PDB file of N, CA and C in Angstrom:
ATOM      1  N   UNK A   1     -31.333   9.303   3.647  1.00  0.00           N
ATOM      2  CA  UNK A   1     -30.533   9.302   4.792  1.00  0.00           C
ATOM      3  C   UNK A   1     -29.354   8.186   4.439  1.00  0.00           C
ATOM      4  N   UNK A   2     -28.448   8.374   4.991  1.00  0.00           N
ATOM      5  CA  UNK A   2     -27.414   7.137   4.974  1.00  0.00           C
ATOM      6  C   UNK A   2     -27.540   5.995   5.928  1.00  0.00           C
ATOM      7  N   UNK A   3     -27.299   5.071   5.628  1.00  0.00           N
ATOM      8  CA  UNK A   3     -27.438   3.764   6.638  1.00  0.00           C
ATOM      9  C   UNK A   3     -25.795   3.800   7.439  1.00  0.00           C
ATOM     10  N   UNK A   4     -25.868   4.068   8.821  1.00  0.00           N
ATOM     11  CA  UNK A   4     -24.737   4.536   9.229  1.00  0.00           C
ATOM     12  C   UNK A   4     -23.850   3.226   9.725  1.00  0.00           C
ATOM     13  N   UNK A   5     -24.240   1.933   9.200  1.00  0.00           N
ATOM     14  CA  UNK A   5     -24.052   0.777   9.477  1.00  0.00           C
ATOM     15  C   UNK A   5     -23.096   0.152   8.069  1.00  0.00           C
ATOM     16  N   UNK A   6     -23.388   0.987   7.104  1.00  0.00           N
ATOM     17  CA  UNK A   6     -22.672   0.375   5.862  1.00  0.00           C
ATOM     18  C   UNK A   6     -21.514   1.394   5.630  1.00  0.00           C
ATOM     19  N   UNK A   7     -20.350   1.006   5.213  1.00  0.00           N
ATOM     20  CA  UNK A   7     -19.317   1.528   5.084  1.00  0.00           C
ATOM     21  C   UNK A   7     -19.196   2.405   3.816  1.00  0.00           C
ATOM     22  N   UNK A   8     -18.621   3.715   3.807  1.00  0.00           N
ATOM     23  CA  UNK A   8     -18.393   4.340   2.511  1.00  0.00           C
ATOM     24  C   UNK A   8     -17.226   3.986   1.709  1.00  0.00           C
ATOM     25  N   UNK A   9     -17.283   3.903   0.764  1.00  0.00           N
ATOM     26  CA  UNK A   9     -16.169   3.273   0.042  1.00  0.00           C
ATOM     27  C   UNK A   9     -14.912   4.313  -0.274  1.00  0.00           C
ATOM     28  N   UNK A  10     -13.999   3.816  -0.044  1.00  0.00           N
ATOM     29  CA  UNK A  10     -12.589   4.887   0.026  1.00  0.00           C
ATOM     30  C   UNK A  10     -11.525   4.502  -0.988  1.00  0.00           C
ATOM     31  N   UNK A  11     -11.059   5.400  -1.626  1.00  0.00           N
ATOM     32  CA  UNK A  11      -9.789   4.642  -2.629  1.00  0.00           C
ATOM     33  C   UNK A  11      -8.192   5.106  -2.085  1.00  0.00           C
ATOM     34  N   UNK A  12      -7.623   4.366  -1.723  1.00  0.00           N
ATOM     35  CA  UNK A  12      -6.077   4.653  -1.233  1.00  0.00           C
ATOM     36  C   UNK A  12      -5.662   5.708  -2.332  1.00  0.00           C
ATOM     37  N   UNK A  13      -5.282   6.783  -2.148  1.00  0.00           N
ATOM     38  CA  UNK A  13      -4.704   7.818  -3.139  1.00  0.00           C
ATOM     39  C   UNK A  13      -3.110   7.838  -2.758  1.00  0.00           C
ATOM     40  N   UNK A  14      -2.708   7.652  -1.531  1.00  0.00           N
ATOM     41  CA  UNK A  14      -1.317   7.609  -1.468  1.00  0.00           C
ATOM     42  C   UNK A  14      -0.754   6.826  -0.227  1.00  0.00           C
ATOM     43  N   UNK A  15       0.391   6.372  -0.065  1.00  0.00           N
ATOM     44  CA  UNK A  15       0.898   5.615   1.278  1.00  0.00           C
ATOM     45  C   UNK A  15       2.121   5.749   1.043  1.00  0.00           C
ATOM     46  N   UNK A  16       2.298   6.204   2.589  1.00  0.00           N
ATOM     47  CA  UNK A  16       3.854   6.732   2.826  1.00  0.00           C
ATOM     48  C   UNK A  16       4.537   5.914   3.897  1.00  0.00           C
ATOM     49  N   UNK A  17       5.744   5.130   3.498  1.00  0.00           N
ATOM     50  CA  UNK A  17       6.457   4.232   4.641  1.00  0.00           C
ATOM     51  C   UNK A  17       7.071   5.735   6.069  1.00  0.00           C
ATOM     52  N   UNK A  18       6.265   5.488   6.794  1.00  0.00           N
ATOM     53  CA  UNK A  18       6.933   6.254   7.780  1.00  0.00           C
ATOM     54  C   UNK A  18       8.202   5.991   8.673  1.00  0.00           C
ATOM     55  N   UNK A  19       7.978   4.685   9.077  1.00  0.00           N
ATOM     56  CA  UNK A  19       8.763   3.661   9.576  1.00  0.00           C
ATOM     57  C   UNK A  19       8.626   1.977   8.705  1.00  0.00           C
ATOM     58  N   UNK A  20       9.381   1.128   9.790  1.00  0.00           N
ATOM     59  CA  UNK A  20       9.401   0.096   8.688  1.00  0.00           C
ATOM     60  C   UNK A  20       8.103  -0.860   9.092  1.00  0.00           C
ATOM     61  N   UNK A  21       7.538  -0.339  10.193  1.00  0.00           N
ATOM     62  CA  UNK A  21       6.294  -0.950  10.523  1.00  0.00           C
ATOM     63  C   UNK A  21       5.356   0.139  10.802  1.00  0.00           C
ATOM     64  N   UNK A  22       5.220   1.376  10.489  1.00  0.00           N
ATOM     65  CA  UNK A  22       4.054   2.446  10.266  1.00  0.00           C
ATOM     66  C   UNK A  22       4.007   2.827   8.820  1.00  0.00           C
ATOM     67  N   UNK A  23       2.707   3.179   8.184  1.00  0.00           N
ATOM     68  CA  UNK A  23       2.441   3.586   7.261  1.00  0.00           C
ATOM     69  C   UNK A  23       1.320   4.492   7.338  1.00  0.00           C
ATOM     70  N   UNK A  24       1.366   5.537   6.435  1.00  0.00           N
ATOM     71  CA  UNK A  24       0.540   6.817   6.904  1.00  0.00           C
ATOM     72  C   UNK A  24      -0.214   6.209   5.347  1.00  0.00           C
ATOM     73  N   UNK A  25      -1.718   6.425   5.305  1.00  0.00           N
ATOM     74  CA  UNK A  25      -2.421   6.187   4.338  1.00  0.00           C
ATOM     75  C   UNK A  25      -3.352   7.160   3.981  1.00  0.00           C
ATOM     76  N   UNK A  26      -3.286   7.931   2.849  1.00  0.00           N
ATOM     77  CA  UNK A  26      -4.246   8.811   2.317  1.00  0.00           C
ATOM     78  C   UNK A  26      -5.454   8.186   1.682  1.00  0.00           C
ATOM     79  N   UNK A  27      -6.674   8.762   2.339  1.00  0.00           N
ATOM     80  CA  UNK A  27      -7.754   7.923   1.585  1.00  0.00           C
ATOM     81  C   UNK A  27      -8.766   8.842   1.187  1.00  0.00           C
ATOM     82  N   UNK A  28      -9.413   8.646  -0.221  1.00  0.00           N
ATOM     83  CA  UNK A  28     -10.119   9.916  -0.648  1.00  0.00           C
ATOM     84  C   UNK A  28     -11.621   9.244  -1.118  1.00  0.00           C
ATOM     85  N   UNK A  29     -12.638   9.849  -0.917  1.00  0.00           N
ATOM     86  CA  UNK A  29     -14.084   9.074  -1.424  1.00  0.00           C
ATOM     87  C   UNK A  29     -13.948   8.567  -2.701  1.00  0.00           C
ATOM     88  N   UNK A  30     -14.541   7.236  -2.812  1.00  0.00           N
ATOM     89  CA  UNK A  30     -14.597   6.680  -4.305  1.00  0.00           C
ATOM     90  C   UNK A  30     -15.065   7.497  -5.290  1.00  0.00           C
ATOM     91  N   UNK A  31     -14.660   6.920  -6.521  1.00  0.00           N
ATOM     92  CA  UNK A  31     -15.001   7.854  -7.554  1.00  0.00           C
ATOM     93  C   UNK A  31     -16.611   8.116  -7.809  1.00  0.00           C
ATOM     94  N   UNK A  32     -17.168   7.180  -7.404  1.00  0.00           N
ATOM     95  CA  UNK A  32     -18.566   7.226  -7.609  1.00  0.00           C
ATOM     96  C   UNK A  32     -19.511   7.819  -6.064  1.00  0.00           C
ATOM     97  N   UNK A  33     -18.742   8.355  -5.613  1.00  0.00           N
ATOM     98  CA  UNK A  33     -19.299   9.189  -4.075  1.00  0.00           C
ATOM     99  C   UNK A  33     -20.146  10.546  -4.722  1.00  0.00           C
ATOM    100  N   UNK A  34     -21.157  10.508  -3.837  1.00  0.00           N
ATOM    101  CA  UNK A  34     -22.252  11.693  -4.079  1.00  0.00           C
ATOM    102  C   UNK A  34     -21.484  12.910  -3.747  1.00  0.00           C
ATOM    103  N   UNK A  35     -21.024  12.604  -2.410  1.00  0.00           N
ATOM    104  CA  UNK A  35     -20.447  13.522  -1.501  1.00  0.00           C
ATOM    105  C   UNK A  35     -18.918  13.370  -1.640  1.00  0.00           C
ATOM    106  N   UNK A  36     -18.080  14.497  -1.787  1.00  0.00           N
ATOM    107  CA  UNK A  36     -16.646  13.914  -1.676  1.00  0.00           C
ATOM    108  C   UNK A  36     -16.096  14.516  -0.629  1.00  0.00           C
ATOM    109  N   UNK A  37     -17.046  15.418   0.494  1.00  0.00           N
ATOM    110  CA  UNK A  37     -16.207  15.885   1.566  1.00  0.00           C
ATOM    111  C   UNK A  37     -16.407  14.883   3.054  1.00  0.00           C
ATOM    112  N   UNK A  38     -15.447  14.689   3.702  1.00  0.00           N
ATOM    113  CA  UNK A  38     -15.524  14.164   5.120  1.00  0.00           C
ATOM    114  C   UNK A  38     -15.577  15.338   6.077  1.00  0.00           C
ATOM    115  N   UNK A  39     -16.682  15.395   7.023  1.00  0.00           N
ATOM    116  CA  UNK A  39     -16.565  16.232   7.888  1.00  0.00           C
ATOM    117  C   UNK A  39     -16.424  15.615   9.437  1.00  0.00           C
ATOM    118  N   UNK A  40     -15.134  15.962   9.881  1.00  0.00           N
ATOM    119  CA  UNK A  40     -14.980  15.413  11.283  1.00  0.00           C
ATOM    120  C   UNK A  40     -14.353  16.639  12.010  1.00  0.00           C
ATOM    121  N   UNK A  41     -14.025  16.114  13.535  1.00  0.00           N
ATOM    122  CA  UNK A  41     -13.326  17.360  14.428  1.00  0.00           C
ATOM    123  C   UNK A  41     -12.154  16.471  14.793  1.00  0.00           C
ATOM    124  N   UNK A  42     -11.409  17.468  14.771  1.00  0.00           N
ATOM    125  CA  UNK A  42      -9.858  17.018  15.770  1.00  0.00           C
ATOM    126  C   UNK A  42     -10.545  16.145  16.999  1.00  0.00           C
ATOM    127  N   UNK A  43      -9.754  14.863  16.889  1.00  0.00           N
ATOM    128  CA  UNK A  43     -10.131  13.685  18.124  1.00  0.00           C
ATOM    129  C   UNK A  43     -10.704  12.637  17.625  1.00  0.00           C
ATOM    130  N   UNK A  44     -11.647  12.979  16.568  1.00  0.00           N
ATOM    131  CA  UNK A  44     -12.717  11.718  16.176  1.00  0.00           C
ATOM    132  C   UNK A  44     -11.719  11.007  15.437  1.00  0.00           C
ATOM    133  N   UNK A  45     -12.329   9.651  15.476  1.00  0.00           N
ATOM    134  CA  UNK A  45     -12.130   8.323  14.814  1.00  0.00           C
ATOM    135  C   UNK A  45     -13.065   7.783  13.688  1.00  0.00           C
ATOM    136  N   UNK A  46     -12.820   6.902  13.126  1.00  0.00           N
ATOM    137  CA  UNK A  46     -13.184   6.152  12.184  1.00  0.00           C
ATOM    138  C   UNK A  46     -13.144   4.594  12.074  1.00  0.00           C
ATOM    139  N   UNK A  47     -14.105   3.948  11.745  1.00  0.00           N
ATOM    140  CA  UNK A  47     -13.705   2.271  11.592  1.00  0.00           C
ATOM    141  C   UNK A  47     -13.629   2.069  10.290  1.00  0.00           C
ATOM    142  N   UNK A  48     -12.419   1.455   9.606  1.00  0.00           N
ATOM    143  CA  UNK A  48     -11.763   1.407   8.565  1.00  0.00           C
ATOM    144  C   UNK A  48     -12.113  -0.413   8.174  1.00  0.00           C
ATOM    145  N   UNK A  49     -12.685  -0.759   7.088  1.00  0.00           N
ATOM    146  CA  UNK A  49     -12.857  -1.901   6.512  1.00  0.00           C
ATOM    147  C   UNK A  49     -11.825  -2.209   5.516  1.00  0.00           C
ATOM    148  N   UNK A  50     -11.575  -3.803   5.675  1.00  0.00           N
ATOM    149  CA  UNK A  50     -10.824  -4.443   4.500  1.00  0.00           C
ATOM    150  C   UNK A  50     -11.581  -5.619   4.200  1.00  0.00           C
ATOM    151  N   UNK A  51     -12.293  -5.172   3.319  1.00  0.00           N
ATOM    152  CA  UNK A  51     -13.302  -6.397   2.840  1.00  0.00           C
ATOM    153  C   UNK A  51     -12.753  -7.938   2.966  1.00  0.00           C
ATOM    154  N   UNK A  52     -13.304  -8.983   3.510  1.00  0.00           N
ATOM    155  CA  UNK A  52     -12.852  -9.931   3.717  1.00  0.00           C
ATOM    156  C   UNK A  52     -11.585 -10.317   4.605  1.00  0.00           C
ATOM    157  N   UNK A  53     -11.207  -9.101   5.300  1.00  0.00           N
ATOM    158  CA  UNK A  53     -10.335  -9.208   6.615  1.00  0.00           C
ATOM    159  C   UNK A  53     -10.938  -8.790   8.144  1.00  0.00           C
ATOM    160  N   UNK A  54     -11.562  -7.949   8.099  1.00  0.00           N
ATOM    161  CA  UNK A  54     -11.829  -7.440   9.354  1.00  0.00           C
ATOM    162  C   UNK A  54     -12.096  -6.055   9.263  1.00  0.00           C
ATOM    163  N   UNK A  55     -12.160  -5.176  10.473  1.00  0.00           N
ATOM    164  CA  UNK A  55     -12.346  -3.801  10.259  1.00  0.00           C
ATOM    165  C   UNK A  55     -11.349  -3.289  11.622  1.00  0.00           C
ATOM    166  N   UNK A  56     -11.297  -2.110  11.751  1.00  0.00           N
ATOM    167  CA  UNK A  56     -10.402  -1.668  12.907  1.00  0.00           C
ATOM    168  C   UNK A  56     -10.734  -0.310  13.000  1.00  0.00           C
ATOM    169  N   UNK A  57     -10.547   0.333  14.371  1.00  0.00           N
ATOM    170  CA  UNK A  57     -11.018   2.142  14.381  1.00  0.00           C
ATOM    171  C   UNK A  57      -9.401   2.485  14.380  1.00  0.00           C
ATOM    172  N   UNK A  58      -9.410   3.742  13.754  1.00  0.00           N
ATOM    173  CA  UNK A  58      -8.052   4.260  13.682  1.00  0.00           C
ATOM    174  C   UNK A  58      -8.337   6.113  13.586  1.00  0.00           C
ATOM    175  N   UNK A  59      -7.404   6.769  14.314  1.00  0.00           N
ATOM    176  CA  UNK A  59      -8.085   8.302  14.666  1.00  0.00           C
ATOM    177  C   UNK A  59      -7.479   8.793  13.242  1.00  0.00           C
ATOM    178  N   UNK A  60      -8.085   9.745  12.701  1.00  0.00           N
ATOM    179  CA  UNK A  60      -7.895  10.652  11.509  1.00  0.00           C
ATOM    180  C   UNK A  60      -6.533  11.468  11.690  1.00  0.00           C
ATOM    181  N   UNK A  61      -5.688  11.631  10.992  1.00  0.00           N
ATOM    182  CA  UNK A  61      -4.378  12.330  11.589  1.00  0.00           C
ATOM    183  C   UNK A  61      -4.183  13.816  10.588  1.00  0.00           C
ATOM    184  N   UNK A  62      -5.192  13.988   9.819  1.00  0.00           N
ATOM    185  CA  UNK A  62      -5.120  15.063   9.500  1.00  0.00           C
ATOM    186  C   UNK A  62      -5.827  16.198   9.809  1.00  0.00           C
ATOM    187  N   UNK A  63      -5.936  17.511   9.454  1.00  0.00           N
ATOM    188  CA  UNK A  63      -6.821  18.591   9.949  1.00  0.00           C
ATOM    189  C   UNK A  63      -8.112  18.424   9.175  1.00  0.00           C
ATOM    190  N   UNK A  64      -9.071  18.781  10.017  1.00  0.00           N
ATOM    191  CA  UNK A  64     -10.485  18.621   9.636  1.00  0.00           C
ATOM    192  C   UNK A  64     -10.744  19.848   8.436  1.00  0.00           C
ATOM    193  N   UNK A  65     -10.091  20.641   8.561  1.00  0.00           N
ATOM    194  CA  UNK A  65     -10.325  21.802   7.475  1.00  0.00           C
ATOM    195  C   UNK A  65      -9.627  21.252   6.259  1.00  0.00           C
ATOM    196  N   UNK A  66      -8.965  20.140   6.074  1.00  0.00           N
ATOM    197  CA  UNK A  66      -8.628  19.542   4.866  1.00  0.00           C
ATOM    198  C   UNK A  66      -9.534  18.242   4.498  1.00  0.00           C
ATOM    199  N   UNK A  67     -10.792  18.451   4.165  1.00  0.00           N
ATOM    200  CA  UNK A  67     -11.757  17.314   4.079  1.00  0.00           C
ATOM    201  C   UNK A  67     -12.120  16.755   2.911  1.00  0.00           C
ATOM    202  N   UNK A  68     -11.623  16.984   1.782  1.00  0.00           N
ATOM    203  CA  UNK A  68     -11.663  16.261   1.237  1.00  0.00           C
ATOM    204  C   UNK A  68     -10.799  14.916   0.838  1.00  0.00           C
ATOM    205  N   UNK A  69     -10.351  14.485   2.061  1.00  0.00           N
ATOM    206  CA  UNK A  69      -9.421  13.288   2.522  1.00  0.00           C
ATOM    207  C   UNK A  69      -9.456  13.142   3.599  1.00  0.00           C
ATOM    208  N   UNK A  70      -9.142  11.596   4.360  1.00  0.00           N
ATOM    209  CA  UNK A  70      -8.226  11.333   5.401  1.00  0.00           C
ATOM    210  C   UNK A  70      -7.105  10.743   5.326  1.00  0.00           C
ATOM    211  N   UNK A  71      -6.599  11.123   6.344  1.00  0.00           N
ATOM    212  CA  UNK A  71      -5.162  10.345   6.647  1.00  0.00           C
ATOM    213  C   UNK A  71      -5.197   9.967   7.880  1.00  0.00           C
ATOM    214  N   UNK A  72      -4.751   8.566   7.884  1.00  0.00           N
ATOM    215  CA  UNK A  72      -4.581   7.643   9.016  1.00  0.00           C
ATOM    216  C   UNK A  72      -3.308   6.956   9.100  1.00  0.00           C
ATOM    217  N   UNK A  73      -2.158   6.699  10.283  1.00  0.00           N
ATOM    218  CA  UNK A  73      -1.283   6.231  10.127  1.00  0.00           C
ATOM    219  C   UNK A  73      -1.148   5.211  10.959  1.00  0.00           C
ATOM    220  N   UNK A  74      -1.078   3.706  10.367  1.00  0.00           N
ATOM    221  CA  UNK A  74      -1.424   2.709  11.097  1.00  0.00           C
ATOM    222  C   UNK A  74      -0.019   1.850  11.139  1.00  0.00           C
ATOM    223  N   UNK A  75       0.166   0.993  12.698  1.00  0.00           N
ATOM    224  CA  UNK A  75       1.359   0.284  12.700  1.00  0.00           C
ATOM    225  C   UNK A  75       0.530  -0.882  12.904  1.00  0.00           C
ATOM    226  N   UNK A  76       1.830  -1.719  11.860  1.00  0.00           N
ATOM    227  CA  UNK A  76       1.731  -2.903  11.448  1.00  0.00           C
ATOM    228  C   UNK A  76       1.721  -3.950  12.900  1.00  0.00           C
ATOM    229  N   UNK A  77       0.614  -4.428  13.249  1.00  0.00           N
ATOM    230  CA  UNK A  77       0.649  -5.202  14.666  1.00  0.00           C
ATOM    231  C   UNK A  77      -0.239  -6.742  14.619  1.00  0.00           C
ATOM    232  N   UNK A  78      -1.372  -6.573  14.050  1.00  0.00           N
ATOM    233  CA  UNK A  78      -2.390  -7.740  14.205  1.00  0.00           C
ATOM    234  C   UNK A  78      -2.781  -8.266  12.453  1.00  0.00           C
ATOM    235  N   UNK A  79      -3.955  -8.728  12.688  1.00  0.00           N
ATOM    236  CA  UNK A  79      -4.803  -9.210  11.407  1.00  0.00           C
ATOM    237  C   UNK A  79      -4.687  -8.164  10.494  1.00  0.00           C
ATOM    238  N   UNK A  80      -6.086  -7.121  10.821  1.00  0.00           N
ATOM    239  CA  UNK A  80      -6.143  -6.210  10.181  1.00  0.00           C
ATOM    240  C   UNK A  80      -5.303  -5.223   9.598  1.00  0.00           C
ATOM    241  N   UNK A  81      -4.251  -4.706  10.702  1.00  0.00           N
ATOM    242  CA  UNK A  81      -3.265  -3.968  10.110  1.00  0.00           C
ATOM    243  C   UNK A  81      -2.039  -4.539   9.563  1.00  0.00           C
ATOM    244  N   UNK A  82      -1.659  -6.067   9.468  1.00  0.00           N
ATOM    245  CA  UNK A  82      -1.222  -6.109   8.346  1.00  0.00           C
ATOM    246  C   UNK A  82      -1.825  -6.214   7.175  1.00  0.00           C
ATOM    247  N   UNK A  83      -3.283  -6.629   7.249  1.00  0.00           N
ATOM    248  CA  UNK A  83      -3.755  -6.478   5.671  1.00  0.00           C
ATOM    249  C   UNK A  83      -3.643  -4.998   5.298  1.00  0.00           C
ATOM    250  N   UNK A  84      -3.722  -3.922   5.832  1.00  0.00           N
ATOM    251  CA  UNK A  84      -3.650  -2.631   5.593  1.00  0.00           C
ATOM    252  C   UNK A  84      -2.360  -2.722   5.124  1.00  0.00           C
ATOM    253  N   UNK A  85      -1.251  -3.019   5.573  1.00  0.00           N
ATOM    254  CA  UNK A  85       0.077  -3.129   5.020  1.00  0.00           C
ATOM    255  C   UNK A  85       0.350  -3.714   3.639  1.00  0.00           C
ATOM    256  N   UNK A  86      -0.570  -4.497   3.276  1.00  0.00           N
ATOM    257  CA  UNK A  86      -0.188  -5.259   1.949  1.00  0.00           C
ATOM    258  C   UNK A  86      -1.105  -4.547   0.945  1.00  0.00           C
ATOM    259  N   UNK A  87      -1.792  -3.343   1.182  1.00  0.00           N
ATOM    260  CA  UNK A  87      -2.703  -2.717   0.032  1.00  0.00           C
ATOM    261  C   UNK A  87      -1.880  -1.591  -0.790  1.00  0.00           C
ATOM    262  N   UNK A  88      -2.619  -1.478  -1.773  1.00  0.00           N
ATOM    263  CA  UNK A  88      -1.615  -0.650  -2.650  1.00  0.00           C
ATOM    264  C   UNK A  88      -2.216   0.513  -2.981  1.00  0.00           C
ATOM    265  N   UNK A  89      -1.931   1.599  -3.512  1.00  0.00           N
ATOM    266  CA  UNK A  89      -2.381   3.192  -4.279  1.00  0.00           C
ATOM    267  C   UNK A  89      -3.514   2.318  -5.288  1.00  0.00           C
ATOM    268  N   UNK A  90      -5.141   2.899  -5.442  1.00  0.00           N
ATOM    269  CA  UNK A  90      -5.939   2.358  -5.524  1.00  0.00           C
ATOM    270  C   UNK A  90      -6.908   1.143  -5.611  1.00  0.00           C
ATOM    271  N   UNK A  91      -6.216   0.688  -4.293  1.00  0.00           N
ATOM    272  CA  UNK A  91      -7.194  -0.194  -3.681  1.00  0.00           C
ATOM    273  C   UNK A  91      -8.521   0.434  -3.081  1.00  0.00           C
ATOM    274  N   UNK A  92      -9.311  -0.177  -2.726  1.00  0.00           N
ATOM    275  CA  UNK A  92     -10.479   0.303  -2.082  1.00  0.00           C
ATOM    276  C   UNK A  92     -10.823  -0.249  -0.393  1.00  0.00           C
ATOM    277  N   UNK A  93     -11.013   0.662   0.361  1.00  0.00           N
ATOM    278  CA  UNK A  93     -11.415   0.266   1.611  1.00  0.00           C
ATOM    279  C   UNK A  93     -12.990   0.756   2.123  1.00  0.00           C
ATOM    280  N   UNK A  94     -13.505   0.177   3.282  1.00  0.00           N
ATOM    281  CA  UNK A  94     -14.404   0.861   3.851  1.00  0.00           C
ATOM    282  C   UNK A  94     -14.333   1.923   4.953  1.00  0.00           C
ATOM    283  N   UNK A  95     -14.920   2.758   4.960  1.00  0.00           N
ATOM    284  CA  UNK A  95     -14.981   3.540   6.032  1.00  0.00           C
ATOM    285  C   UNK A  95     -16.550   4.041   6.928  1.00  0.00           C
ATOM    286  N   UNK A  96     -16.366   3.845   7.936  1.00  0.00           N
ATOM    287  CA  UNK A  96     -17.334   4.353   8.554  1.00  0.00           C
ATOM    288  C   UNK A  96     -17.192   5.208   9.949  1.00  0.00           C
ATOM    289  N   UNK A  97     -17.975   6.489   9.798  1.00  0.00           N
ATOM    290  CA  UNK A  97     -17.833   7.182  11.034  1.00  0.00           C
ATOM    291  C   UNK A  97     -17.875   8.610  10.347  1.00  0.00           C
ATOM    292  N   UNK A  98     -17.651   9.635  11.058  1.00  0.00           N
ATOM    293  CA  UNK A  98     -16.625   9.753  11.959  1.00  0.00           C
ATOM    294  C   UNK A  98     -17.541   9.388  13.674  1.00  0.00           C
ATOM    295  N   UNK A  99     -16.497   8.700  14.803  1.00  0.00           N
ATOM    296  CA  UNK A  99     -17.287   8.707  15.942  1.00  0.00           C
ATOM    297  C   UNK A  99     -16.362   9.366  16.668  1.00  0.00           C
ATOM    298  N   UNK A 100     -17.220   9.551  18.245  1.00  0.00           N
ATOM    299  CA  UNK A 100     -16.553  10.144  19.162  1.00  0.00           C
ATOM    300  C   UNK A 100     -16.721  11.673  19.130  1.00  0.00           C
ATOM    301  N   UNK A 101     -16.489  12.322  20.043  1.00  0.00           N
ATOM    302  CA  UNK A 101     -17.164  13.920  20.454  1.00  0.00           C
ATOM    303  C   UNK A 101     -16.025  14.708  19.856  1.00  0.00           C
ATOM    304  N   UNK A 102     -14.846  14.364  19.574  1.00  0.00           N
ATOM    305  CA  UNK A 102     -13.360  14.980  19.410  1.00  0.00           C
ATOM    306  C   UNK A 102     -13.071  16.071  20.319  1.00  0.00           C
ATOM    307  N   UNK A 103     -12.792  17.480  19.865  1.00  0.00           N
ATOM    308  CA  UNK A 103     -12.056  18.411  20.833  1.00  0.00           C
ATOM    309  C   UNK A 103     -12.803  19.617  20.344  1.00  0.00           C
ATOM    310  N   UNK A 104     -12.786  20.495  21.369  1.00  0.00           N
ATOM    311  CA  UNK A 104     -13.335  21.555  21.056  1.00  0.00           C
ATOM    312  C   UNK A 104     -12.564  22.692  20.288  1.00  0.00           C
ATOM    313  N   UNK A 105     -11.777  22.196  19.426  1.00  0.00           N
ATOM    314  CA  UNK A 105     -10.588  23.526  19.086  1.00  0.00           C
ATOM    315  C   UNK A 105     -11.050  24.753  18.945  1.00  0.00           C
ATOM    316  N   UNK A 106     -12.148  25.081  18.613  1.00  0.00           N
ATOM    317  CA  UNK A 106     -12.951  26.297  18.206  1.00  0.00           C
ATOM    318  C   UNK A 106     -13.061  27.309  19.567  1.00  0.00           C
ATOM    319  N   UNK A 107     -12.855  26.453  20.631  1.00  0.00           N
ATOM    320  CA  UNK A 107     -13.119  26.909  21.724  1.00  0.00           C
ATOM    321  C   UNK A 107     -11.744  27.386  22.752  1.00  0.00           C
ATOM    322  N   UNK A 108     -10.802  26.764  22.187  1.00  0.00           N
ATOM    323  CA  UNK A 108      -9.451  26.703  23.083  1.00  0.00           C
ATOM    324  C   UNK A 108      -9.148  28.284  22.622  1.00  0.00           C
TER     325      UNK A 108
END
């Protein structure tokens, strides 16, 4: 069983500049990951870590049906978000989650 307190390693596979202060990061499980799927529901969030800088919660922006990666859009505002904006494709971050109940899309 995985330790829920240890982050899973994720590699930044794409960065999109949405505006001057918002970037969308596409994160894929690191090459040595045992399981490459990320199961989550719409409305859930994860805690993303930049090692040596800190961590912060962000919502997943992509559809849960595309579970081979996570996308999150991050506005540069504080220490951790500024550190995120300085990362490059190929860099590694940590991910814990998903957390929260999400939305029952199947029932709508």
